[in-house]
C-alpha atoms as a PDB file:
ATOM      1  CA  MET A   1      89.681  74.820-158.064  1.00  0.00           C
ATOM      2  CA  ARG A   2      90.846  77.293-160.716  1.00  0.00           C
ATOM      3  CA  PRO A   3      94.457  76.962-161.947  1.00  0.00           C
ATOM      4  CA  ARG A   4      96.821  79.682-160.509  1.00  0.00           C
ATOM      5  CA  PRO A   5      98.414  82.115-162.959  1.00  0.00           C
ATOM      6  CA  ARG A   6     102.008  81.260-163.814  1.00  0.00           C
ATOM      7  CA  HIS A   7     103.389  84.568-162.575  1.00  0.00           C
ATOM      8  CA  LEU A   8     101.807  83.957-159.171  1.00  0.00           C
ATOM      9  CA  LEU A   9     103.304  80.478-159.007  1.00  0.00           C
ATOM     10  CA  ALA A  10     106.692  81.914-159.913  1.00  0.00           C
ATOM     11  CA  ALA A  11     106.419  84.596-157.229  1.00  0.00           C
ATOM     12  CA  LEU A  12     105.465  82.047-154.622  1.00  0.00           C
ATOM     13  CA  LEU A  13     108.385  79.818-155.592  1.00  0.00           C
ATOM     14  CA  GLY A  14     110.748  82.812-155.456  1.00  0.00           C
ATOM     15  CA  LEU A  15     109.592  83.695-151.970  1.00  0.00           C
ATOM     16  CA  ALA A  16     110.096  80.120-150.834  1.00  0.00           C
ATOM     17  CA  VAL A  17     113.644  80.081-152.203  1.00  0.00           C
ATOM     18  CA  LEU A  18     114.471  83.409-150.530  1.00  0.00           C
ATOM     19  CA  ALA A  19     113.100  82.146-147.205  1.00  0.00           C
ATOM     20  CA  ALA A  20     115.230  79.000-147.448  1.00  0.00           C
ATOM     21  CA  LEU A  21     118.324  80.994-148.290  1.00  0.00           C
ATOM     22  CA  GLY A  22     117.600  83.432-145.447  1.00  0.00           C
ATOM     23  CA  LEU A  23     117.418  80.628-142.933  1.00  0.00           C
ATOM     24  CA  SER A  24     120.757  79.290-144.157  1.00  0.00           C
ATOM     25  CA  GLY A  25     122.332  82.712-143.757  1.00  0.00           C
ATOM     26  CA  VAL A  26     123.248  83.038-147.475  1.00  0.00           C
ATOM     27  CA  VAL A  27     121.191  86.181-148.078  1.00  0.00           C
ATOM     28  CA  PRO A  28     122.492  89.164-146.065  1.00  0.00           C
ATOM     29  CA  GLY A  29     120.023  90.486-143.544  1.00  0.00           C
ATOM     30  CA  LEU A  30     117.848  87.402-143.487  1.00  0.00           C
ATOM     31  CA  GLY A  31     120.136  85.060-141.561  1.00  0.00           C
ATOM     32  CA  PRO A  32     120.615  84.713-137.795  1.00  0.00           C
ATOM     33  CA  PRO A  33     122.393  87.533-135.856  1.00  0.00           C
ATOM     34  CA  THR A  34     126.221  87.542-135.733  1.00  0.00           C
ATOM     35  CA  LEU A  35     127.550  86.315-132.355  1.00  0.00           C
ATOM     36  CA  LEU A  36     130.191  88.354-130.432  1.00  0.00           C
ATOM     37  CA  GLY A  37     133.545  86.803-130.992  1.00  0.00           C
ATOM     38  CA  ASP A  38     132.578  85.470-134.408  1.00  0.00           C
ATOM     39  CA  PRO A  39     135.838  85.539-136.415  1.00  0.00           C
ATOM     40  CA  GLY A  40     134.002  86.985-139.398  1.00  0.00           C
ATOM     41  CA  ALA A  41     132.326  89.772-137.469  1.00  0.00           C
ATOM     42  CA  ALA A  42     133.773  93.278-137.687  1.00  0.00           C
ATOM     43  CA  PRO A  43     133.979  95.022-134.287  1.00  0.00           C
ATOM     44  CA  LYS A  44     131.635  97.959-133.819  1.00  0.00           C
ATOM     45  CA  ALA A  45     133.197 101.321-133.108  1.00  0.00           C
ATOM     46  CA  SER A  46     132.220 102.984-129.866  1.00  0.00           C
ATOM     47  CA  ALA A  47     131.992 106.764-129.543  1.00  0.00           C
ATOM     48  CA  THR A  48     133.027 106.815-125.888  1.00  0.00           C
ATOM     49  CA  THR A  49     134.848 104.179-123.843  1.00  0.00           C
ATOM     50  CA  VAL A  50     135.023 104.402-120.062  1.00  0.00           C
ATOM     51  CA  GLY A  51     137.985 102.439-118.806  1.00  0.00           C
ATOM     52  CA  PRO A  52     139.734  99.739-120.831  1.00  0.00           C
ATOM     53  CA  ALA A  53     137.500  98.120-123.438  1.00  0.00           C
ATOM     54  CA  PRO A  54     137.179  94.337-123.145  1.00  0.00           C
ATOM     55  CA  ALA A  55     139.550  92.871-125.689  1.00  0.00           C
ATOM     56  CA  THR A  56     138.673  89.981-127.986  1.00  0.00           C
ATOM     57  CA  PRO A  57     141.191  87.205-127.219  1.00  0.00           C
ATOM     58  CA  SER A  58     143.912  87.070-129.852  1.00  0.00           C
ATOM     59  CA  ALA A  59     145.281  83.832-131.211  1.00  0.00           C
ATOM     60  CA  SER A  60     148.303  84.053-128.921  1.00  0.00           C
ATOM     61  CA  GLU A  61     146.071  84.556-125.871  1.00  0.00           C
ATOM     62  CA  THR A  62     143.765  81.688-126.621  1.00  0.00           C
ATOM     63  CA  THR A  63     146.739  79.400-127.352  1.00  0.00           C
ATOM     64  CA  PRO A  64     149.446  80.818-125.095  1.00  0.00           C
ATOM     65  CA  ALA A  65     153.107  79.917-125.172  1.00  0.00           C
ATOM     66  CA  GLY A  66     154.417  77.555-122.528  1.00  0.00           C
ATOM     67  CA  PRO A  67     154.672  78.649-118.907  1.00  0.00           C
ATOM     68  CA  LEU A  68     157.488  80.812-117.595  1.00  0.00           C
ATOM     69  CA  THR A  69     159.583  79.836-114.582  1.00  0.00           C
ATOM     70  CA  LEU A  70     160.447  81.840-111.435  1.00  0.00           C
ATOM     71  CA  VAL A  71     163.013  80.692-108.878  1.00  0.00           C
ATOM     72  CA  GLY A  72     163.403  82.212-105.432  1.00  0.00           C
ATOM     73  CA  LEU A  73     166.745  81.971-103.547  1.00  0.00           C
ATOM     74  CA  GLY A  74     167.752  83.319-100.161  1.00  0.00           C
ATOM     75  CA  ASP A  75     166.839  83.330 -96.489  1.00  0.00           C
ATOM     76  CA  SER A  76     163.670  83.342 -94.394  1.00  0.00           C
ATOM     77  CA  VAL A  77     162.280  86.502 -96.019  1.00  0.00           C
ATOM     78  CA  PRO A  78     161.790  85.033 -99.493  1.00  0.00           C
ATOM     79  CA  SER A  79     160.991  81.606 -98.071  1.00  0.00           C
ATOM     80  CA  ALA A  80     158.101  83.138 -96.046  1.00  0.00           C
ATOM     81  CA  GLU A  81     158.112  79.982 -93.900  1.00  0.00           C
ATOM     82  CA  THR A  82     157.316  81.904 -90.705  1.00  0.00           C
ATOM     83  CA  CYS A  83     154.478  83.980 -92.190  1.00  0.00           C
ATOM     84  CA  GLY A  84     151.706  81.462 -92.794  1.00  0.00           C
ATOM     85  CA  CYS A  85     150.811  83.557 -95.849  1.00  0.00           C
ATOM     86  CA  THR A  86     151.574  83.763 -99.525  1.00  0.00           C
ATOM     87  CA  GLY A  87     155.101  85.111 -99.670  1.00  0.00           C
ATOM     88  CA  TYR A  88     156.337  87.737-102.077  1.00  0.00           C
ATOM     89  CA  VAL A  89     158.034  85.172-104.351  1.00  0.00           C
ATOM     90  CA  GLU A  90     154.731  83.396-104.969  1.00  0.00           C
ATOM     91  CA  GLN A  91     152.893  86.699-105.177  1.00  0.00           C
ATOM     92  CA  VAL A  92     155.291  87.884-107.909  1.00  0.00           C
ATOM     93  CA  GLY A  93     154.495  84.738-109.875  1.00  0.00           C
ATOM     94  CA  GLN A  94     150.747  85.387-109.546  1.00  0.00           C
ATOM     95  CA  ARG A  95     151.049  89.063-110.507  1.00  0.00           C
ATOM     96  CA  LEU A  96     153.280  88.359-113.462  1.00  0.00           C
ATOM     97  CA  GLY A  97     150.806  85.774-114.674  1.00  0.00           C
ATOM     98  CA  ALA A  98     148.069  88.404-114.752  1.00  0.00           C
ATOM     99  CA  LEU A  99     150.312  90.975-116.431  1.00  0.00           C
ATOM    100  CA  THR A 100     151.841  88.696-119.071  1.00  0.00           C
ATOM    101  CA  HIS A 101     148.778  86.503-119.732  1.00  0.00           C
ATOM    102  CA  ARG A 102     151.035  83.478-119.317  1.00  0.00           C
ATOM    103  CA  GLY A 103     151.346  80.759-116.740  1.00  0.00           C
ATOM    104  CA  TRP A 104     154.213  80.918-114.232  1.00  0.00           C
ATOM    105  CA  VAL A 105     155.812  77.990-112.433  1.00  0.00           C
ATOM    106  CA  VAL A 106     157.318  79.029-109.082  1.00  0.00           C
ATOM    107  CA  HIS A 107     160.156  77.172-107.353  1.00  0.00           C
ATOM    108  CA  ASN A 108     160.950  78.668-103.969  1.00  0.00           C
ATOM    109  CA  ASP A 109     164.350  77.310-102.932  1.00  0.00           C
ATOM    110  CA  ALA A 110     164.941  79.839-100.135  1.00  0.00           C
ATOM    111  CA  ASN A 111     165.438  78.630 -96.580  1.00  0.00           C
ATOM    112  CA  GLY A 112     165.266  80.301 -93.173  1.00  0.00           C
ATOM    113  CA  GLY A 113     168.623  81.133 -91.558  1.00  0.00           C
ATOM    114  CA  TRP A 114     170.635  80.812 -94.780  1.00  0.00           C
ATOM    115  CA  THR A 115     173.668  82.956 -95.386  1.00  0.00           C
ATOM    116  CA  THR A 116     175.155  83.990 -98.714  1.00  0.00           C
ATOM    117  CA  SER A 117     177.507  80.970 -98.519  1.00  0.00           C
ATOM    118  CA  ASP A 118     174.521  78.620 -97.944  1.00  0.00           C
ATOM    119  CA  VAL A 119     172.799  79.874-101.093  1.00  0.00           C
ATOM    120  CA  GLU A 120     176.040  79.563-103.023  1.00  0.00           C
ATOM    121  CA  ASP A 121     176.466  75.960-101.817  1.00  0.00           C
ATOM    122  CA  ASP A 122     172.831  75.168-102.718  1.00  0.00           C
ATOM    123  CA  LEU A 123     173.480  76.105-106.337  1.00  0.00           C
ATOM    124  CA  GLY A 124     175.403  72.801-106.560  1.00  0.00           C
ATOM    125  CA  SER A 125     172.345  70.723-105.629  1.00  0.00           C
ATOM    126  CA  SER A 126     170.656  68.820-108.444  1.00  0.00           C
ATOM    127  CA  SER A 127     167.158  70.044-107.539  1.00  0.00           C
ATOM    128  CA  THR A 128     168.075  73.755-107.488  1.00  0.00           C
ATOM    129  CA  ARG A 129     170.125  73.414-110.649  1.00  0.00           C
ATOM    130  CA  GLY A 130     167.171  71.703-112.288  1.00  0.00           C
ATOM    131  CA  HIS A 131     164.905  74.602-111.368  1.00  0.00           C
ATOM    132  CA  LEU A 132     167.425  77.175-112.569  1.00  0.00           C
ATOM    133  CA  ALA A 133     167.964  75.405-115.878  1.00  0.00           C
ATOM    134  CA  SER A 134     164.552  76.556-117.090  1.00  0.00           C
ATOM    135  CA  ALA A 135     164.321  79.836-115.160  1.00  0.00           C
ATOM    136  CA  ASP A 136     163.113  83.051-116.813  1.00  0.00           C
ATOM    137  CA  LEU A 137     163.412  85.012-113.573  1.00  0.00           C
ATOM    138  CA  VAL A 138     165.465  84.441-110.413  1.00  0.00           C
ATOM    139  CA  LEU A 139     164.840  86.487-107.248  1.00  0.00           C
ATOM    140  CA  VAL A 140     167.677  86.599-104.696  1.00  0.00           C
ATOM    141  CA  GLU A 141     167.501  88.057-101.178  1.00  0.00           C
ATOM    142  CA  VAL A 142     170.225  87.035 -98.802  1.00  0.00           C
ATOM    143  CA  GLY A 143     172.960  88.509 -96.605  1.00  0.00           C
ATOM    144  CA  ALA A 144     171.315  89.535 -93.319  1.00  0.00           C
ATOM    145  CA  ASN A 145     172.412  86.320 -91.638  1.00  0.00           C
ATOM    146  CA  ASP A 146     176.013  86.907 -92.617  1.00  0.00           C
ATOM    147  CA  PHE A 147     176.508  89.485 -89.896  1.00  0.00           C
ATOM    148  CA  ASP A 148     177.162  89.280 -86.156  1.00  0.00           C
ATOM    149  CA  LEU A 149     174.090  91.308 -85.211  1.00  0.00           C
ATOM    150  CA  ASP A 150     175.038  91.390 -81.504  1.00  0.00           C
ATOM    151  CA  ARG A 151     177.250  94.341 -82.449  1.00  0.00           C
ATOM    152  CA  VAL A 152     174.546  96.403 -84.090  1.00  0.00           C
ATOM    153  CA  ASP A 153     174.183  98.740 -81.102  1.00  0.00           C
ATOM    154  CA  ASP A 154     177.932  98.902 -80.437  1.00  0.00           C
ATOM    155  CA  GLN A 155     178.875 102.601 -80.690  1.00  0.00           C
ATOM    156  CA  GLY A 156     182.380 101.526 -81.613  1.00  0.00           C
ATOM    157  CA  CYS A 157     180.901 100.295 -84.916  1.00  0.00           C
ATOM    158  CA  PHE A 158     179.408 103.748 -85.764  1.00  0.00           C
ATOM    159  CA  PRO A 159     179.244 104.850 -88.503  1.00  0.00           C
ATOM    160  CA  ALA A 160     178.697 101.532 -90.224  1.00  0.00           C
ATOM    161  CA  ALA A 161     180.199 102.667 -93.536  1.00  0.00           C
ATOM    162  CA  GLY A 162     183.950 102.177 -93.271  1.00  0.00           C
ATOM    163  CA  SER A 163     183.727 100.516 -89.859  1.00  0.00           C
ATOM    164  CA  GLY A 164     186.081  97.614 -89.231  1.00  0.00           C
ATOM    165  CA  CYS A 165     183.185  95.833 -87.520  1.00  0.00           C
ATOM    166  CA  TRP A 166     181.547  95.149 -90.903  1.00  0.00           C
ATOM    167  CA  SER A 167     184.136  95.616 -93.641  1.00  0.00           C
ATOM    168  CA  ALA A 168     185.161  91.978 -93.973  1.00  0.00           C
ATOM    169  CA  THR A 169     181.530  90.758 -93.972  1.00  0.00           C
ATOM    170  CA  ILE A 170     180.511  93.411 -96.495  1.00  0.00           C
ATOM    171  CA  ALA A 171     183.350  92.285 -98.788  1.00  0.00           C
ATOM    172  CA  GLY A 172     182.221  88.667 -98.374  1.00  0.00           C
ATOM    173  CA  LEU A 173     178.650  89.638 -99.202  1.00  0.00           C
ATOM    174  CA  ARG A 174     179.763  91.471-102.336  1.00  0.00           C
ATOM    175  CA  ASP A 175     181.904  88.584-103.563  1.00  0.00           C
ATOM    176  CA  GLY A 176     179.332  85.973-102.599  1.00  0.00           C
ATOM    177  CA  LEU A 177     176.462  87.635-104.458  1.00  0.00           C
ATOM    178  CA  THR A 178     178.695  88.061-107.498  1.00  0.00           C
ATOM    179  CA  ARG A 179     179.588  84.364-107.466  1.00  0.00           C
ATOM    180  CA  ILE A 180     175.897  83.447-107.056  1.00  0.00           C
ATOM    181  CA  ILE A 181     174.959  85.404-110.150  1.00  0.00           C
ATOM    182  CA  THR A 182     177.856  83.933-112.105  1.00  0.00           C
ATOM    183  CA  ALA A 183     176.798  80.399-111.042  1.00  0.00           C
ATOM    184  CA  ILE A 184     173.185  81.048-112.116  1.00  0.00           C
ATOM    185  CA  HIS A 185     174.340  82.097-115.558  1.00  0.00           C
ATOM    186  CA  ARG A 186     176.468  78.949-115.813  1.00  0.00           C
ATOM    187  CA  VAL A 187     173.307  76.897-115.436  1.00  0.00           C
ATOM    188  CA  ASP A 188     170.985  79.054-117.514  1.00  0.00           C
ATOM    189  CA  HIS A 189     172.766  80.477-120.548  1.00  0.00           C
ATOM    190  CA  ARG A 190     169.832  82.346-122.087  1.00  0.00           C
ATOM    191  CA  PRO A 191     170.548  86.047-122.672  1.00  0.00           C
ATOM    192  CA  ASP A 192     167.010  87.044-121.697  1.00  0.00           C
ATOM    193  CA  LEU A 193     167.249  85.534-118.189  1.00  0.00           C
ATOM    194  CA  ARG A 194     166.384  88.150-115.567  1.00  0.00           C
ATOM    195  CA  ILE A 195     167.959  88.127-112.096  1.00  0.00           C
ATOM    196  CA  ALA A 196     166.672  90.497-109.433  1.00  0.00           C
ATOM    197  CA  LEU A 197     168.574  91.222-106.189  1.00  0.00           C
ATOM    198  CA  LEU A 198     166.601  92.542-103.233  1.00  0.00           C
ATOM    199  CA  GLY A 199     167.940  94.583-100.351  1.00  0.00           C
ATOM    200  CA  TYR A 200     166.323  94.806 -96.894  1.00  0.00           C
ATOM    201  CA  TRP A 201     164.244  97.250 -94.900  1.00  0.00           C
ATOM    202  CA  ASN A 202     166.318  96.058 -91.908  1.00  0.00           C
ATOM    203  CA  VAL A 203     168.854  93.315 -91.510  1.00  0.00           C
ATOM    204  CA  THR A 204     167.526  92.694 -87.993  1.00  0.00           C
ATOM    205  CA  VAL A 205     164.369  93.512 -86.032  1.00  0.00           C
ATOM    206  CA  ASP A 206     162.490  96.720 -86.696  1.00  0.00           C
ATOM    207  CA  GLY A 207     159.329  98.597 -85.733  1.00  0.00           C
ATOM    208  CA  SER A 208     158.194  98.488 -82.152  1.00  0.00           C
ATOM    209  CA  VAL A 209     160.422  95.484 -81.409  1.00  0.00           C
ATOM    210  CA  GLY A 210     163.500  97.315 -82.582  1.00  0.00           C
ATOM    211  CA  ARG A 211     162.637 100.571 -80.806  1.00  0.00           C
ATOM    212  CA  ALA A 212     162.320  98.642 -77.554  1.00  0.00           C
ATOM    213  CA  LEU A 213     166.026  97.801 -77.826  1.00  0.00           C
ATOM    214  CA  GLY A 214     167.057 101.462 -77.619  1.00  0.00           C
ATOM    215  CA  GLU A 215     168.183 104.342 -79.775  1.00  0.00           C
ATOM    216  CA  ASP A 216     171.659 102.931 -80.432  1.00  0.00           C
ATOM    217  CA  PHE A 217     170.103  99.758 -81.775  1.00  0.00           C
ATOM    218  CA  VAL A 218     167.732 101.707 -84.047  1.00  0.00           C
ATOM    219  CA  LEU A 219     170.577 103.858 -85.374  1.00  0.00           C
ATOM    220  CA  GLY A 220     173.058 101.046 -85.749  1.00  0.00           C
ATOM    221  CA  SER A 221     170.692  98.662 -87.481  1.00  0.00           C
ATOM    222  CA  ASP A 222     169.551 101.351 -89.928  1.00  0.00           C
ATOM    223  CA  GLU A 223     173.149 102.303 -90.767  1.00  0.00           C
ATOM    224  CA  LEU A 224     174.165  98.664 -91.327  1.00  0.00           C
ATOM    225  CA  THR A 225     171.046  98.026 -93.444  1.00  0.00           C
ATOM    226  CA  ARG A 226     171.797 100.979 -95.700  1.00  0.00           C
ATOM    227  CA  LEU A 227     175.371  99.704 -96.066  1.00  0.00           C
ATOM    228  CA  VAL A 228     174.107  96.257 -97.027  1.00  0.00           C
ATOM    229  CA  ASN A 229     171.662  97.713 -99.531  1.00  0.00           C
ATOM    230  CA  ASP A 230     174.367  99.844-101.123  1.00  0.00           C
ATOM    231  CA  THR A 231     176.457  96.727-101.536  1.00  0.00           C
ATOM    232  CA  VAL A 232     173.617  94.734-103.086  1.00  0.00           C
ATOM    233  CA  HIS A 233     172.865  97.653-105.410  1.00  0.00           C
ATOM    234  CA  GLN A 234     176.534  97.810-106.513  1.00  0.00           C
ATOM    235  CA  VAL A 235     176.546  94.086-107.289  1.00  0.00           C
ATOM    236  CA  ALA A 236     173.361  94.442-109.328  1.00  0.00           C
ATOM    237  CA  ALA A 237     174.852  97.321-111.306  1.00  0.00           C
ATOM    238  CA  THR A 238     178.059  95.484-112.113  1.00  0.00           C
ATOM    239  CA  THR A 239     176.443  92.142-113.036  1.00  0.00           C
ATOM    240  CA  GLY A 240     173.454  93.418-115.017  1.00  0.00           C
ATOM    241  CA  ALA A 241     170.913  92.301-112.422  1.00  0.00           C
ATOM    242  CA  VAL A 242     167.835  94.279-111.457  1.00  0.00           C
ATOM    243  CA  TYR A 243     168.107  95.932-108.009  1.00  0.00           C
ATOM    244  CA  VAL A 244     164.924  95.984-105.960  1.00  0.00           C
ATOM    245  CA  ASP A 245     164.655  98.497-103.136  1.00  0.00           C
ATOM    246  CA  ALA A 246     163.027  96.755-100.174  1.00  0.00           C
ATOM    247  CA  TYR A 247     163.788  99.629 -97.779  1.00  0.00           C
ATOM    248  CA  SER A 248     161.467 102.358 -99.101  1.00  0.00           C
ATOM    249  CA  PRO A 249     158.263 100.239 -99.327  1.00  0.00           C
ATOM    250  CA  LEU A 250     158.405  99.454 -95.575  1.00  0.00           C
ATOM    251  CA  LYS A 251     160.426 102.347 -94.158  1.00  0.00           C
ATOM    252  CA  GLY A 252     159.803 105.187 -96.664  1.00  0.00           C
ATOM    253  CA  THR A 253     162.531 106.927 -98.645  1.00  0.00           C
ATOM    254  CA  SER A 254     163.602 108.909 -95.571  1.00  0.00           C
ATOM    255  CA  GLY A 255     163.431 105.936 -93.203  1.00  0.00           C
ATOM    256  CA  THR A 256     160.750 107.502 -90.991  1.00  0.00           C
ATOM    257  CA  ARG A 257     157.860 105.168 -91.850  1.00  0.00           C
ATOM    258  CA  ASP A 258     156.928 102.772 -89.041  1.00  0.00           C
ATOM    259  CA  PRO A 259     156.880  99.201 -90.492  1.00  0.00           C
ATOM    260  CA  THR A 260     155.342  97.588 -87.396  1.00  0.00           C
ATOM    261  CA  GLY A 261     152.038  96.888 -89.104  1.00  0.00           C
ATOM    262  CA  ASP A 262     153.778  95.091 -91.952  1.00  0.00           C
ATOM    263  CA  LEU A 263     155.866  92.793 -89.745  1.00  0.00           C
ATOM    264  CA  LEU A 264     155.135  89.688 -87.702  1.00  0.00           C
ATOM    265  CA  ASP A 265     155.184  89.931 -83.927  1.00  0.00           C
ATOM    266  CA  ASP A 266     158.874  89.020 -83.950  1.00  0.00           C
ATOM    267  CA  GLY A 267     159.617  92.332 -85.686  1.00  0.00           C
ATOM    268  CA  ASP A 268     161.992  90.450 -87.994  1.00  0.00           C
ATOM    269  CA  HIS A 269     159.866  89.066 -90.805  1.00  0.00           C
ATOM    270  CA  PRO A 270     157.165  90.566 -93.037  1.00  0.00           C
ATOM    271  CA  ASN A 271     153.526  89.571 -92.587  1.00  0.00           C
ATOM    272  CA  SER A 272     151.048  89.330 -95.421  1.00  0.00           C
ATOM    273  CA  SER A 273     150.895  93.067 -96.070  1.00  0.00           C
ATOM    274  CA  GLY A 274     154.671  93.276 -95.862  1.00  0.00           C
ATOM    275  CA  HIS A 275     155.052  90.602 -98.516  1.00  0.00           C
ATOM    276  CA  THR A 276     152.542  92.445-100.702  1.00  0.00           C
ATOM    277  CA  LEU A 277     154.692  95.603-100.431  1.00  0.00           C
ATOM    278  CA  LEU A 278     157.761  93.618-101.448  1.00  0.00           C
ATOM    279  CA  SER A 279     156.027  91.894-104.387  1.00  0.00           C
ATOM    280  CA  THR A 280     154.834  95.253-105.645  1.00  0.00           C
ATOM    281  CA  ALA A 281     158.397  96.590-105.487  1.00  0.00           C
ATOM    282  CA  VAL A 282     159.726  93.608-107.450  1.00  0.00           C
ATOM    283  CA  VAL A 283     157.078  93.799-110.186  1.00  0.00           C
ATOM    284  CA  ASP A 284     157.487  97.584-110.512  1.00  0.00           C
ATOM    285  CA  GLU A 285     161.249  97.259-110.984  1.00  0.00           C
ATOM    286  CA  LEU A 286     160.836  94.429-113.504  1.00  0.00           C
ATOM    287  CA  ALA A 287     158.358  96.567-115.442  1.00  0.00           C
ATOM    288  CA  THR A 288     160.743  99.526-115.402  1.00  0.00           C
ATOM    289  CA  ALA A 289     163.509  97.255-116.719  1.00  0.00           C
ATOM    290  CA  GLY A 290     161.280  96.186-119.618  1.00  0.00           C
ATOM    291  CA  ALA A 291     161.057  92.561-118.536  1.00  0.00           C
ATOM    292  CA  VAL A 292     157.254  92.439-118.127  1.00  0.00           C
ATOM    293  CA  ALA A 293     156.660  93.840-121.606  1.00  0.00           C
ATOM    294  CA  ALA A 294     159.161  91.361-123.095  1.00  0.00           C
ATOM    295  CA  TRP A 295     157.461  88.393-121.429  1.00  0.00           C
ATOM    296  CA  ARG A 296     154.023  89.618-122.525  1.00  0.00           C
ATOM    297  CA  GLY A 297     155.230  90.240-126.083  1.00  0.00           C
ATOM    298  CA  ALA A 298     156.687  86.751-126.325  1.00  0.00           C
ATOM    299  CA  SER A 299     153.338  85.106-125.514  1.00  0.00           C
END
């Protein structure tokens, strides 16, 4: 065999070195393709994007901050014990988790039949205080059970606003809710704690069940409900809480929407779709108040 020329041997050796470097990825263009999500890869610009572009997880999303805590207080509506469905308190936790990209721990301390005084008393229990101590959000809906609803259709109590039938109970509701909010802040001192107060679509039965009780019942229950909601709204405004309108989602702003399809057969409690309407109202008000953005930004 004839000896190879030196320049040919050098060329062959050079090609071998380049091939080895290419396989190791040292020489640009000869290494393996860059994988999506590679920290060293620059994202490619797209001329047109239809809908939100999938975002590469940021460091804060891949290693999120600790979970946030939601506590529910009140009566059978937030407890959802008669529904056999996921209540609005738990739904709010799920929806906030998706919106903030953070985990949420939900403690539902509401109980059926409870009055404002019952909730106030419960704030002294060690378990509820333990839940509130780490709360980022507290939802409160209570007050309907404070009233003697046998007088709802009593024409002597019309109009509800200013009626002696309800004035003492309304004053008790206002003072009780104010004390509840004060007690919550005594347990959880953080300035970024959010408390949301919910009103009602009706403090008693509604829809087809309510209509079956007559026009006076429909009129009286609606007037009393609006009076209760006004009171809850006033407390929220004076204490810095977020007020959540529960009337409009089920009854419409004018009160003409029929909520029958969003209530259980008892006409008194929301079913699954009713709880979804309420959870949407809560999340929307929290977003308007800037709470959702704050929780997302802190992740």
